[in-house]
């Protein structure tokens, strides 16, 4: 369950450039962990996301290096990180997650954005290879200063007719539920492989439920 990605390795640190919440789909990729990956650790940083009032800022980082004692084709240790700042204060780490990836897998972070009331911030720790992507939503409560995360796995796919549809992490609710859109399959145009709608994913209980169906013209 993976999407097709071919990305050359970028061995650099991206400059943090402020952007408004109107540009939430920011991502950073480690590149394929193969022969060209350096043995020393590399850190990539996303752009910085601001809320409309510019009182909250966040960015993501991905650190990766080869695993000790393993060949350069065997995989990497990847460390995801989310850093947040409120009211002009210094950035602090809100979440860290370490994973061992296999050769050819690509790890990245999308800054999904803020909830409608501005109380929650969401990001996606993802892992991709081939024709699909694994999602791990991360939701930060700005007032409480706490973070919750959980892998989506195949929770939605178990409830729909599977046609290799993408699951797009598109937003977060005021209650902190991750919002996923499942558009029609790009591989199969039969009726049963059409629009699967909008879904909410509760990171506390692990439950998913469909909240709406939307036509193809409304997909971003």
Protein backbone atom coordinates (compact mmCIF):
# COMPACT_ATOMS: atom_id res chain seq x y z
CA UNK A 1 0.00 0.00 0.00
CA UNK A 2 2.41 2.56 -1.23
CA UNK A 3 2.42 5.46 -3.75
CA UNK A 4 5.02 5.75 -6.47
CA UNK A 5 7.76 8.23 -5.61
CA UNK A 6 11.13 8.83 -7.22
CA UNK A 7 13.01 11.55 -5.36
CA UNK A 8 16.74 12.22 -5.50
CA UNK A 9 18.40 12.61 -2.12
CA UNK A 10 18.82 16.22 -1.01
CA UNK A 11 21.71 16.44 1.44
CA UNK A 12 21.08 19.89 2.88
CA UNK A 13 19.14 21.77 5.51
CA UNK A 14 16.19 23.67 4.06
CA UNK A 15 15.95 27.31 5.12
CA UNK A 16 12.93 27.99 7.34
CA UNK A 17 10.70 30.45 5.48
CA UNK A 18 7.55 31.79 7.18
CA UNK A 19 4.28 30.97 5.44
CA UNK A 20 0.63 31.38 6.31
CA UNK A 21 -1.82 28.60 7.08
CA UNK A 22 -3.20 29.02 3.54
CA UNK A 23 -0.20 26.95 2.38
CA UNK A 24 -0.44 23.90 4.65
CA UNK A 25 0.82 21.19 2.31
CA UNK A 26 4.53 21.37 2.97
CA UNK A 27 6.66 18.26 2.90
CA UNK A 28 10.24 17.18 3.23
CA UNK A 29 11.61 13.87 1.93
CA UNK A 30 14.67 11.95 3.06
CA UNK A 31 15.14 10.47 -0.39
CA UNK A 32 15.81 6.82 -1.10
CA UNK A 33 18.05 5.33 1.55
CA UNK A 34 20.53 3.67 -0.78
CA UNK A 35 24.14 3.87 -1.87
CA UNK A 36 24.16 7.67 -2.14
CA UNK A 37 22.91 8.28 1.39
CA UNK A 38 25.71 9.64 3.61
CA UNK A 39 26.89 7.64 6.59
CA UNK A 40 26.82 10.74 8.77
CA UNK A 41 23.45 11.97 9.98
CA UNK A 42 21.60 14.51 7.88
CA UNK A 43 18.81 16.83 9.04
CA UNK A 44 16.14 18.28 6.77
CA UNK A 45 13.79 21.02 7.98
CA UNK A 46 10.44 22.03 6.54
CA UNK A 47 9.21 25.56 6.11
CA UNK A 48 7.66 27.27 9.12
CA UNK A 49 3.87 27.41 9.32
CA UNK A 50 2.20 30.41 11.03
CA UNK A 51 -1.36 30.89 12.17
CA UNK A 52 -3.24 33.91 10.85
CA UNK A 53 -2.44 35.99 13.94
CA UNK A 54 1.19 34.82 13.84
CA UNK A 55 1.06 33.83 17.51
CA UNK A 56 1.80 30.17 16.76
CA UNK A 57 4.55 28.70 14.61
CA UNK A 58 5.55 25.14 13.78
CA UNK A 59 7.99 23.26 11.60
CA UNK A 60 8.98 19.66 11.01
CA UNK A 61 12.38 18.01 10.81
CA UNK A 62 13.64 14.65 9.62
CA UNK A 63 17.00 13.32 10.79
CA UNK A 64 18.38 10.24 9.08
CA UNK A 65 21.54 8.17 9.03
CA UNK A 66 22.63 4.66 8.19
CA UNK A 67 22.16 2.02 10.83
CA UNK A 68 25.45 0.96 12.47
CA UNK A 69 26.88 -2.28 11.14
CA UNK A 70 24.55 -2.45 8.14
CA UNK A 71 25.32 -1.93 4.47
CA UNK A 72 24.30 1.28 2.75
CA UNK A 73 21.58 -0.63 0.93
CA UNK A 74 20.05 -2.04 4.10
CA UNK A 75 18.14 0.97 5.42
CA UNK A 76 18.22 4.04 7.63
CA UNK A 77 17.31 5.23 11.07
CA UNK A 78 14.81 8.07 10.61
CA UNK A 79 13.87 10.47 13.42
CA UNK A 80 10.80 12.63 12.84
CA UNK A 81 10.35 15.82 14.87
CA UNK A 82 7.75 18.58 15.30
CA UNK A 83 8.80 21.89 16.83
CA UNK A 84 6.38 24.59 18.00
CA UNK A 85 6.53 28.17 19.26
CA UNK A 86 3.78 30.28 20.87
CA UNK A 87 3.58 34.06 21.31
CA UNK A 88 7.11 34.70 20.12
CA UNK A 89 8.73 32.18 22.45
CA UNK A 90 11.54 29.83 21.47
CA UNK A 91 10.81 26.69 19.48
CA UNK A 92 10.48 23.51 21.55
CA UNK A 93 10.07 19.92 20.45
CA UNK A 94 6.45 18.76 20.64
CA UNK A 95 6.92 15.27 19.22
CA UNK A 96 9.71 12.87 18.22
CA UNK A 97 9.41 9.45 16.58
CA UNK A 98 12.19 7.10 15.48
CA UNK A 99 11.74 4.43 12.78
CA UNK A 100 14.03 2.04 10.95
CA UNK A 101 13.33 2.18 7.23
CA UNK A 102 14.22 -0.31 4.52
CA UNK A 103 16.01 0.42 1.28
CA UNK A 104 13.75 2.38 -1.07
CA UNK A 105 11.33 3.61 1.60
CA UNK A 106 10.96 7.38 1.83
CA UNK A 107 10.01 9.19 5.02
CA UNK A 108 8.61 12.70 5.25
CA UNK A 109 6.49 15.20 7.14
CA UNK A 110 3.49 17.19 5.89
CA UNK A 111 2.40 20.20 7.91
CA UNK A 112 -1.34 19.69 7.47
CA UNK A 113 -2.40 22.91 9.22
CA UNK A 114 -4.65 24.26 11.96
CA UNK A 115 -8.18 23.40 13.04
CA UNK A 116 -10.93 25.94 12.12
CA UNK A 117 -10.82 27.50 15.60
CA UNK A 118 -7.01 27.56 15.68
CA UNK A 119 -6.78 25.36 18.78
CA UNK A 120 -5.14 22.30 17.19
CA UNK A 121 -2.19 21.87 14.84
CA UNK A 122 -1.79 18.73 12.72
CA UNK A 123 1.12 17.14 10.90
CA UNK A 124 1.63 13.83 9.13
CA UNK A 125 4.63 11.55 9.69
CA UNK A 126 4.52 9.46 6.52
CA UNK A 127 6.42 6.60 4.99
CA UNK A 128 6.16 5.74 1.30
CA UNK A 129 7.37 3.19 -1.20
CA UNK A 130 6.05 2.00 -4.53
CA UNK A 131 2.38 2.91 -5.05
CA UNK A 132 1.24 3.95 -1.59
CA UNK A 133 1.83 5.76 1.65
CA UNK A 134 1.50 5.04 5.35
CA UNK A 135 0.15 7.88 7.50
CA UNK A 136 0.75 8.68 11.16
CA UNK A 137 -1.30 11.76 12.14
CA UNK A 138 0.17 13.96 14.85
CA UNK A 139 -2.11 16.51 16.58
CA UNK A 140 -0.81 19.21 18.93
CA UNK A 141 -3.18 20.98 21.36
CA UNK A 142 -1.90 24.56 21.43
CA UNK A 143 -3.51 25.58 24.73
CA UNK A 144 -2.76 22.36 26.63
CA UNK A 145 0.68 22.01 25.00
CA UNK A 146 0.30 18.27 24.56
CA UNK A 147 0.57 15.99 21.54
CA UNK A 148 -1.22 12.83 20.45
CA UNK A 149 -0.41 10.56 17.52
CA UNK A 150 -1.50 7.22 16.08
CA UNK A 151 -0.89 5.35 12.80
CA UNK A 152 -3.89 5.20 10.46
CA UNK A 153 -2.86 1.78 9.09
CA UNK A 154 -5.73 0.19 7.10
CA UNK A 155 -8.59 1.37 9.33
CA UNK A 156 -10.44 3.09 6.47
CA UNK A 157 -9.61 0.47 3.86
CA UNK A 158 -11.27 -2.24 5.97
CA UNK A 159 -14.58 -0.34 5.74
CA UNK A 160 -14.66 0.37 1.99
CA UNK A 161 -14.38 -1.57 -1.25
CA UNK A 162 -10.61 -1.56 -1.78
CA UNK A 163 -9.44 -0.21 -5.14
CA UNK A 164 -5.98 1.14 -4.23
CA UNK A 165 -7.33 4.57 -3.35
CA UNK A 166 -5.12 7.26 -1.88
CA UNK A 167 -5.94 8.54 1.61
CA UNK A 168 -5.22 12.27 1.75
CA UNK A 169 -4.72 13.82 5.20
CA UNK A 170 -6.48 17.15 4.61
CA UNK A 171 -7.15 18.75 8.00
CA UNK A 172 -7.93 18.53 11.70
CA UNK A 173 -11.18 19.23 13.53
CA UNK A 174 -11.63 21.49 16.57
CA UNK A 175 -11.91 18.28 18.62
CA UNK A 176 -8.54 17.09 17.34
CA UNK A 177 -9.71 14.38 14.92
CA UNK A 178 -7.69 13.92 11.74
CA UNK A 179 -9.65 14.47 8.50
CA UNK A 180 -8.92 12.14 5.58
CA UNK A 181 -10.27 12.42 2.05
CA UNK A 182 -10.46 9.25 -0.06
CA UNK A 183 -10.98 10.24 -3.73
CA UNK A 184 -11.91 7.89 -6.57
CA UNK A 185 -9.29 5.34 -7.52
CA UNK A 186 -6.88 6.47 -10.23
CA UNK A 187 -6.38 2.83 -11.20
CA UNK A 188 -9.98 1.66 -11.63
CA UNK A 189 -12.92 3.75 -12.96
CA UNK A 190 -15.62 1.20 -12.10
CA UNK A 191 -18.53 2.51 -9.95
CA UNK A 192 -17.45 0.65 -6.82
CA UNK A 193 -14.05 2.39 -6.99
CA UNK A 194 -15.46 5.91 -6.93
CA UNK A 195 -15.54 8.61 -4.26
CA UNK A 196 -15.19 7.25 -0.72
CA UNK A 197 -15.73 10.63 0.92
CA UNK A 198 -14.39 12.41 3.98
CA UNK A 199 -13.45 10.48 7.12
CA UNK A 200 -12.64 11.46 10.69
CA UNK A 201 -9.96 9.54 12.58
CA UNK A 202 -10.10 9.71 16.38
CA UNK A 203 -6.51 9.43 17.63
CA UNK A 204 -7.61 8.61 21.17
CA UNK A 205 -9.85 5.64 20.36
CA UNK A 206 -8.47 4.60 16.97
CA UNK A 207 -11.95 4.71 15.41
CA UNK A 208 -12.74 6.04 11.93
CA UNK A 209 -16.11 7.10 10.52
CA UNK A 210 -17.29 8.67 7.27
CA UNK A 211 -18.77 12.16 7.53
CA UNK A 212 -19.48 13.07 3.89
CA UNK A 213 -19.21 12.15 0.25
CA UNK A 214 -17.85 14.73 -2.17
CA UNK A 215 -17.75 14.90 -5.96
CA UNK A 216 -14.57 14.73 -7.98
CA UNK A 217 -14.49 18.47 -8.77
CA UNK A 218 -14.11 19.26 -5.09
CA UNK A 219 -10.95 17.25 -4.56
CA UNK A 220 -7.87 19.42 -4.12
